[in-house]
Amino acid sequence: MKKAHVIFGIAALAAMLVVPGFLKNYGIHLFTTWLVFIIATMGLNLTVGYAGQKSLGHAAFFGIGAYTVAILLKAGISFWIGLPAAALLCFGVGLLLGFPALRVQTIYLAFATLGFNTALWLVMRNEEWLTGGTFGINNIARPGLFGFSLDGNLAYYYLVLAFAVVLGALLWGLLRSPWGKAFTALRDNPIRAESLGVDIRSYTLMSFAIGAVYAGIAGGLYASQVQFIDPATFTVGSSIMMYLMVVVGGPGYFFGPLLGSAVGVILPEWLRFAQAWYLFVFGAAVVLLMIWLPDGLLSVPERLRARRQSREESAARSARAAPTTPNGGQA
């Protein structure tokens, strides 16, 4: 990891540890939501940014995780059993969703995952016996840990922060392993990756499955955070917003979800001073970012380095091409 990345990561973690202690309940809720979406988009970044797959169905896995935890809690099952169950269920469904990626790519795969999200949303809305339908599920309990209650907003925030740090460390280890190199090879050139011995079938499926696990865990944490869920949270629009978070932060950059989720969760709150215009301002800001920074916010340092290097090389070429006098000096 580059020194700048280490410094950025330490500074971000320090801010996440300290700042919420000075906030009121709504500010803590906002920071907790930010962390939840960081976890969810870490998984989507693996699928989209590192493995190069196009997925517009991530909110479906987010919903599977949320409903699994909520339903099991209502049945009297512990949160600490419900969350792993949600992760396992999302892993299995993620594997199944990965199969279309073996036959179709780019925009066609995006439409396939979009259709999956729509189908699952219809199940959430219509199967009232299981999900509560449009009435949703309320009074979702928050967990305890070693005899300590996590009902307080600040205590629950630190639980979600712990999950984000642990899952981030696991993802970092995965990306540094041969698996991570295989995912990157799959993104850059699937044909060349296969010729080098990469089993593109297995890695394609695993990119969806692991990304789905992260979304499922985030959904389970979100259900206990807000203590009420309904299908409106898990629409295709939510999947598009998550995809946007990854793209704005920087697909294929480890810290991309951190910045992208801030743009998607915190920035709209800062723009509420614009009242009815805030959605327009937010949308315009995102469009401008996509025009000027198509590789995301974290591509700025690389773009600046590339521009500086280009100027230096241009100056060196000009110096070599300058005419010289007979005594060896420049004219």
Protein backbone atom coordinates (compact mmCIF):
# COMPACT_ATOMS: atom_id res chain seq x y z
CA MET A 1 0.00 0.00 0.00
CA LYS A 2 1.31 3.44 -0.88
CA LYS A 3 2.31 5.77 1.95
CA ALA A 4 -0.36 8.29 0.90
CA HIS A 5 -3.02 5.57 1.10
CA VAL A 6 -1.88 4.57 4.59
CA ILE A 7 -2.04 8.19 5.78
CA PHE A 8 -5.47 8.66 4.20
CA GLY A 9 -6.79 5.47 5.80
CA ILE A 10 -5.46 6.36 9.27
CA ALA A 11 -6.87 9.90 9.04
CA ALA A 12 -10.29 8.59 7.92
CA LEU A 13 -10.40 6.02 10.72
CA ALA A 14 -9.38 8.61 13.32
CA ALA A 15 -12.15 10.94 12.12
CA MET A 16 -14.70 8.11 12.25
CA LEU A 17 -13.67 7.27 15.80
CA VAL A 18 -13.70 10.82 17.15
CA VAL A 19 -16.25 12.91 15.25
CA PRO A 20 -19.48 10.99 16.12
CA GLY A 21 -18.85 11.62 19.82
CA PHE A 22 -19.53 15.31 19.19
CA LEU A 23 -22.68 14.78 17.12
CA LYS A 24 -26.34 14.61 18.06
CA ASN A 25 -28.51 11.59 17.31
CA TYR A 26 -29.25 12.54 13.70
CA GLY A 27 -25.58 13.11 12.94
CA ILE A 28 -24.71 9.72 14.43
CA HIS A 29 -27.50 8.12 12.38
CA LEU A 30 -26.07 9.74 9.24
CA PHE A 31 -22.55 8.50 9.96
CA THR A 32 -23.89 5.00 10.69
CA THR A 33 -25.73 4.99 7.36
CA TRP A 34 -22.52 6.12 5.67
CA LEU A 35 -20.65 3.15 7.18
CA VAL A 36 -23.41 0.74 6.13
CA PHE A 37 -23.13 1.92 2.52
CA ILE A 38 -19.34 1.76 2.68
CA ILE A 39 -19.66 -1.94 3.51
CA ALA A 40 -22.25 -2.51 0.76
CA THR A 41 -20.25 -0.67 -1.91
CA MET A 42 -17.00 -2.42 -0.93
CA GLY A 43 -18.67 -5.56 -2.24
CA LEU A 44 -19.96 -3.82 -5.35
CA ASN A 45 -16.50 -2.36 -5.96
CA LEU A 46 -15.09 -5.89 -5.98
CA THR A 47 -17.69 -6.99 -8.53
CA VAL A 48 -17.57 -3.87 -10.72
CA GLY A 49 -14.24 -2.18 -10.09
CA TYR A 50 -11.92 -5.17 -9.72
CA ALA A 51 -13.66 -8.00 -11.60
CA GLY A 52 -15.11 -5.74 -14.31
CA GLN A 53 -18.71 -7.05 -14.15
CA LYS A 54 -21.73 -4.77 -14.64
CA SER A 55 -24.23 -5.18 -11.82
CA LEU A 56 -27.37 -3.16 -11.17
CA GLY A 57 -28.84 -5.59 -8.66
CA HIS A 58 -26.84 -4.86 -5.53
CA ALA A 59 -29.80 -3.42 -3.61
CA ALA A 60 -31.48 -6.83 -3.92
CA PHE A 61 -28.71 -8.44 -1.84
CA PHE A 62 -28.90 -5.51 0.55
CA GLY A 63 -32.61 -6.31 0.93
CA ILE A 64 -32.02 -10.05 1.32
CA GLY A 65 -29.67 -9.35 4.20
CA ALA A 66 -32.05 -6.88 5.83
CA TYR A 67 -35.13 -9.11 5.56
CA THR A 68 -33.26 -12.25 6.67
CA VAL A 69 -32.05 -10.58 9.85
CA ALA A 70 -35.42 -8.94 10.52
CA ILE A 71 -37.42 -12.15 10.00
CA LEU A 72 -35.09 -14.25 12.14
CA LEU A 73 -35.10 -11.65 14.92
CA LYS A 74 -38.90 -11.66 14.87
CA ALA A 75 -38.75 -15.46 15.18
CA GLY A 76 -36.67 -15.11 18.34
CA ILE A 77 -33.32 -16.04 16.76
CA SER A 78 -30.24 -14.10 17.83
CA PHE A 79 -28.81 -11.32 15.65
CA TRP A 80 -25.44 -13.09 15.81
CA ILE A 81 -26.99 -16.11 14.09
CA GLY A 82 -29.19 -14.08 11.74
CA LEU A 83 -26.32 -12.02 10.29
CA PRO A 84 -24.17 -15.02 9.25
CA ALA A 85 -27.34 -16.66 7.88
CA ALA A 86 -27.98 -13.55 5.77
CA ALA A 87 -24.39 -13.61 4.51
CA LEU A 88 -24.65 -17.31 3.55
CA LEU A 89 -27.97 -16.79 1.79
CA CYS A 90 -26.56 -13.85 -0.17
CA PHE A 91 -23.50 -15.93 -1.09
CA GLY A 92 -25.70 -18.64 -2.59
CA VAL A 93 -27.95 -16.21 -4.46
CA GLY A 94 -24.87 -14.28 -5.63
CA LEU A 95 -23.47 -17.45 -7.16
CA LEU A 96 -26.72 -17.97 -9.04
CA LEU A 97 -26.75 -14.39 -10.28
CA GLY A 98 -23.21 -14.82 -11.53
CA PHE A 99 -24.24 -17.43 -14.12
CA PRO A 100 -25.69 -14.87 -16.58
CA ALA A 101 -22.27 -13.16 -16.50
CA LEU A 102 -20.80 -16.34 -18.03
CA ARG A 103 -22.90 -15.82 -21.17
CA VAL A 104 -23.56 -12.08 -21.45
CA GLN A 105 -21.45 -9.02 -20.71
CA THR A 106 -21.54 -5.20 -20.49
CA ILE A 107 -25.00 -3.64 -20.93
CA TYR A 108 -26.74 -7.03 -21.33
CA LEU A 109 -25.42 -8.20 -17.97
CA ALA A 110 -26.52 -4.91 -16.41
CA PHE A 111 -30.05 -5.51 -17.69
CA ALA A 112 -30.03 -9.09 -16.37
CA THR A 113 -29.07 -7.93 -12.87
CA LEU A 114 -31.59 -5.10 -13.08
CA GLY A 115 -34.30 -7.66 -13.86
CA PHE A 116 -33.20 -9.73 -10.86
CA ASN A 117 -33.49 -6.68 -8.60
CA THR A 118 -36.98 -5.91 -9.93
CA ALA A 119 -38.16 -9.50 -9.46
CA LEU A 120 -36.89 -9.65 -5.89
CA TRP A 121 -38.45 -6.28 -5.08
CA LEU A 122 -41.81 -7.61 -6.29
CA VAL A 123 -41.42 -10.59 -3.96
CA MET A 124 -40.69 -8.26 -1.05
CA ARG A 125 -43.73 -6.14 -1.86
CA ASN A 126 -46.26 -8.89 -2.60
CA GLU A 127 -45.41 -11.73 -0.22
CA GLU A 128 -46.97 -10.14 2.85
CA TRP A 129 -46.94 -13.40 4.85
CA LEU A 130 -43.13 -13.28 4.82
CA THR A 131 -42.04 -9.66 4.38
CA GLY A 132 -45.05 -7.67 5.58
CA GLY A 133 -45.49 -6.28 2.07
CA THR A 134 -45.77 -2.51 1.84
CA PHE A 135 -46.33 -2.34 5.61
CA GLY A 136 -42.82 -3.65 6.15
CA ILE A 137 -41.36 -5.06 9.38
CA ASN A 138 -41.00 -2.80 12.41
CA ASN A 139 -39.60 -2.99 15.92
CA ILE A 140 -36.45 -4.75 14.72
CA ALA A 141 -34.24 -5.23 17.75
CA ARG A 142 -30.64 -4.17 18.10
CA PRO A 143 -28.18 -6.77 19.35
CA GLY A 144 -26.28 -7.03 22.58
CA LEU A 145 -22.63 -7.99 22.88
CA PHE A 146 -21.05 -9.74 25.88
CA GLY A 147 -23.92 -8.60 28.07
CA PHE A 148 -23.76 -4.97 26.90
CA SER A 149 -26.74 -3.40 25.14
CA LEU A 150 -26.16 -1.71 21.79
CA ASP A 151 -29.52 0.07 21.77
CA GLY A 152 -27.85 3.48 21.96
CA ASN A 153 -27.10 5.16 18.64
CA LEU A 154 -23.44 5.80 19.47
CA ALA A 155 -22.85 2.24 20.71
CA TYR A 156 -24.43 0.80 17.57
CA TYR A 157 -22.36 3.16 15.42
CA TYR A 158 -19.15 1.74 16.86
CA LEU A 159 -20.41 -1.80 16.21
CA VAL A 160 -20.96 -0.94 12.54
CA LEU A 161 -17.55 0.77 12.43
CA ALA A 162 -15.95 -2.42 13.78
CA PHE A 163 -17.66 -4.44 11.04
CA ALA A 164 -16.50 -1.95 8.39
CA VAL A 165 -12.88 -2.12 9.57
CA VAL A 166 -12.81 -5.93 9.77
CA LEU A 167 -14.51 -6.39 6.39
CA GLY A 168 -12.23 -3.78 4.84
CA ALA A 169 -9.16 -5.61 6.17
CA LEU A 170 -10.47 -8.92 4.79
CA LEU A 171 -11.08 -7.34 1.39
CA TRP A 172 -7.62 -5.77 1.40
CA GLY A 173 -6.09 -9.17 2.13
CA LEU A 174 -8.16 -10.75 -0.65
CA LEU A 175 -7.06 -8.12 -3.16
CA ARG A 176 -3.40 -8.59 -2.22
CA SER A 177 -3.69 -12.35 -2.70
CA PRO A 178 -3.53 -14.24 -6.02
CA TRP A 179 -7.34 -14.00 -6.07
CA GLY A 180 -7.12 -10.23 -6.31
CA LYS A 181 -4.67 -10.44 -9.20
CA ALA A 182 -6.98 -12.91 -10.93
CA PHE A 183 -9.97 -10.56 -10.51
CA THR A 184 -7.94 -7.69 -12.02
CA ALA A 185 -6.80 -9.89 -14.92
CA LEU A 186 -10.44 -10.86 -15.51
CA ARG A 187 -11.38 -7.18 -15.69
CA ASP A 188 -8.53 -6.09 -17.95
CA ASN A 189 -8.65 -8.89 -20.54
CA PRO A 190 -10.68 -12.07 -19.96
CA ILE A 191 -9.21 -13.86 -22.98
CA ARG A 192 -5.63 -13.20 -21.92
CA ALA A 193 -6.49 -14.12 -18.31
CA GLU A 194 -7.87 -17.49 -19.48
CA SER A 195 -4.78 -18.10 -21.59
CA LEU A 196 -2.67 -17.55 -18.46
CA GLY A 197 -4.57 -20.21 -16.58
CA VAL A 198 -7.17 -18.13 -14.75
CA ASP A 199 -10.47 -20.00 -14.38
CA ILE A 200 -12.65 -17.10 -15.49
CA ARG A 201 -15.85 -19.06 -14.81
CA SER A 202 -15.02 -19.57 -11.14
CA TYR A 203 -13.71 -16.05 -10.58
CA THR A 204 -16.71 -14.46 -12.27
CA LEU A 205 -19.07 -16.39 -10.00
CA MET A 206 -17.01 -15.61 -6.90
CA SER A 207 -16.92 -11.88 -7.69
CA PHE A 208 -20.72 -11.80 -7.54
CA ALA A 209 -20.93 -14.09 -4.51
CA ILE A 210 -18.41 -12.21 -2.37
CA GLY A 211 -19.88 -8.85 -3.39
CA ALA A 212 -23.31 -10.16 -2.40
CA VAL A 213 -22.03 -11.22 1.04
CA TYR A 214 -20.86 -7.67 1.74
CA ALA A 215 -24.23 -6.28 0.67
CA GLY A 216 -26.07 -8.85 2.82
CA ILE A 217 -24.07 -7.99 5.93
CA ALA A 218 -24.65 -4.28 5.28
CA GLY A 219 -28.38 -4.92 4.89
CA GLY A 220 -28.55 -6.84 8.16
CA LEU A 221 -26.77 -4.03 9.99
CA TYR A 222 -29.06 -1.48 8.35
CA ALA A 223 -32.21 -3.34 9.47
CA SER A 224 -31.16 -3.17 13.13
CA GLN A 225 -30.01 0.42 12.73
CA VAL A 226 -33.30 1.86 11.44
CA GLN A 227 -35.45 -0.83 13.15
CA PHE A 228 -37.95 -0.73 10.28
CA ILE A 229 -37.67 -1.93 6.70
CA ASP A 230 -40.01 -1.95 3.73
CA PRO A 231 -39.53 -2.70 0.00
CA ALA A 232 -39.08 0.98 -0.94
CA THR A 233 -35.49 0.86 0.32
CA PHE A 234 -34.42 -1.91 -2.05
CA THR A 235 -35.56 -0.70 -5.47
CA VAL A 236 -33.61 -0.53 -8.70
CA GLY A 237 -33.05 3.16 -7.91
CA SER A 238 -31.11 2.12 -4.81
CA SER A 239 -28.96 -0.21 -6.91
CA ILE A 240 -28.23 2.60 -9.35
CA MET A 241 -27.28 4.88 -6.44
CA MET A 242 -24.86 2.25 -5.10
CA TYR A 243 -23.36 1.83 -8.56
CA LEU A 244 -23.02 5.60 -8.73
CA MET A 245 -21.22 5.64 -5.38
CA VAL A 246 -18.64 3.20 -6.72
CA VAL A 247 -18.15 5.14 -9.95
CA VAL A 248 -17.90 8.53 -8.23
CA GLY A 249 -15.42 7.28 -5.63
CA GLY A 250 -13.33 5.44 -8.18
CA PRO A 251 -13.98 1.86 -9.38
CA GLY A 252 -10.99 -0.34 -8.69
CA TYR A 253 -9.66 1.96 -5.94
CA PHE A 254 -9.71 0.46 -2.46
CA PHE A 255 -10.88 3.69 -0.78
CA GLY A 256 -13.34 4.49 -3.57
CA PRO A 257 -16.40 3.30 -1.57
CA LEU A 258 -15.42 5.57 1.32
CA LEU A 259 -15.57 8.73 -0.81
CA GLY A 260 -18.37 7.54 -3.07
CA SER A 261 -20.64 6.70 -0.13
CA ALA A 262 -19.93 10.10 1.38
CA VAL A 263 -21.08 11.71 -1.86
CA GLY A 264 -24.23 9.57 -1.90
CA VAL A 265 -25.15 9.78 1.81
CA ILE A 266 -23.60 12.89 3.37
CA LEU A 267 -23.41 15.34 0.46
CA PRO A 268 -27.21 15.45 -0.07
CA GLU A 269 -27.59 16.47 3.59
CA TRP A 270 -25.10 19.30 3.15
CA LEU A 271 -27.07 20.47 0.11
CA ARG A 272 -30.40 20.71 1.92
CA PHE A 273 -29.85 24.46 2.30
CA ALA A 274 -30.86 24.59 -1.38
CA GLN A 275 -34.30 23.28 -0.30
CA ALA A 276 -36.31 22.17 -3.36
CA TRP A 277 -33.24 22.61 -5.59
CA TYR A 278 -30.96 20.29 -3.65
CA LEU A 279 -31.68 17.22 -5.81
CA PHE A 280 -30.96 19.24 -8.94
CA VAL A 281 -27.70 20.56 -7.45
CA PHE A 282 -26.71 17.06 -6.33
CA GLY A 283 -27.47 15.56 -9.74
CA ALA A 284 -25.63 18.33 -11.58
CA ALA A 285 -22.58 17.90 -9.31
CA VAL A 286 -22.48 14.15 -10.02
CA VAL A 287 -22.84 14.69 -13.79
CA LEU A 288 -19.95 17.16 -13.77
CA LEU A 289 -17.85 14.71 -11.81
CA MET A 290 -18.54 12.02 -14.39
CA ILE A 291 -17.58 14.35 -17.24
CA TRP A 292 -14.34 15.65 -15.75
CA LEU A 293 -13.38 12.62 -13.64
CA PRO A 294 -14.68 9.49 -15.40
CA ASP A 295 -12.40 7.32 -13.23
CA GLY A 296 -13.71 8.79 -9.97
CA LEU A 297 -12.45 11.17 -7.31
CA LEU A 298 -9.48 8.99 -6.37
CA SER A 299 -8.12 9.25 -9.90
CA VAL A 300 -7.24 12.93 -9.28
CA PRO A 301 -3.72 12.28 -7.88
CA GLU A 302 -2.87 9.95 -10.78
CA ARG A 303 -4.18 12.46 -13.31
CA LEU A 304 -2.08 15.21 -11.75
CA ARG A 305 1.00 12.98 -11.73
CA ALA A 306 0.43 12.00 -15.36
CA ARG A 307 0.01 15.65 -16.36
CA ARG A 308 3.19 16.67 -14.53
CA GLN A 309 5.13 13.80 -16.08
CA SER A 310 3.83 14.73 -19.53
CA ARG A 311 5.00 18.34 -19.07
CA GLU A 312 8.43 17.16 -17.92
CA GLU A 313 8.81 14.81 -20.88
CA SER A 314 7.66 17.55 -23.25
CA ALA A 315 10.23 19.96 -21.79
CA ALA A 316 12.96 17.30 -22.10
CA ARG A 317 12.08 16.67 -25.76
CA SER A 318 12.13 20.41 -26.47
CA ALA A 319 15.55 20.73 -24.83
CA ARG A 320 16.95 17.86 -26.91
CA ALA A 321 15.48 19.28 -30.11
CA ALA A 322 16.83 22.83 -29.54
CA PRO A 323 19.53 23.82 -32.15
CA THR A 324 23.10 24.07 -30.82
CA THR A 325 25.98 26.42 -31.75
CA PRO A 326 29.34 25.10 -33.06
CA ASN A 327 30.92 25.37 -29.59
CA GLY A 328 28.26 23.09 -28.15
CA GLY A 329 25.95 25.71 -26.59
CA GLN A 330 22.33 26.26 -27.52
CA ALA A 331 21.57 28.85 -30.17
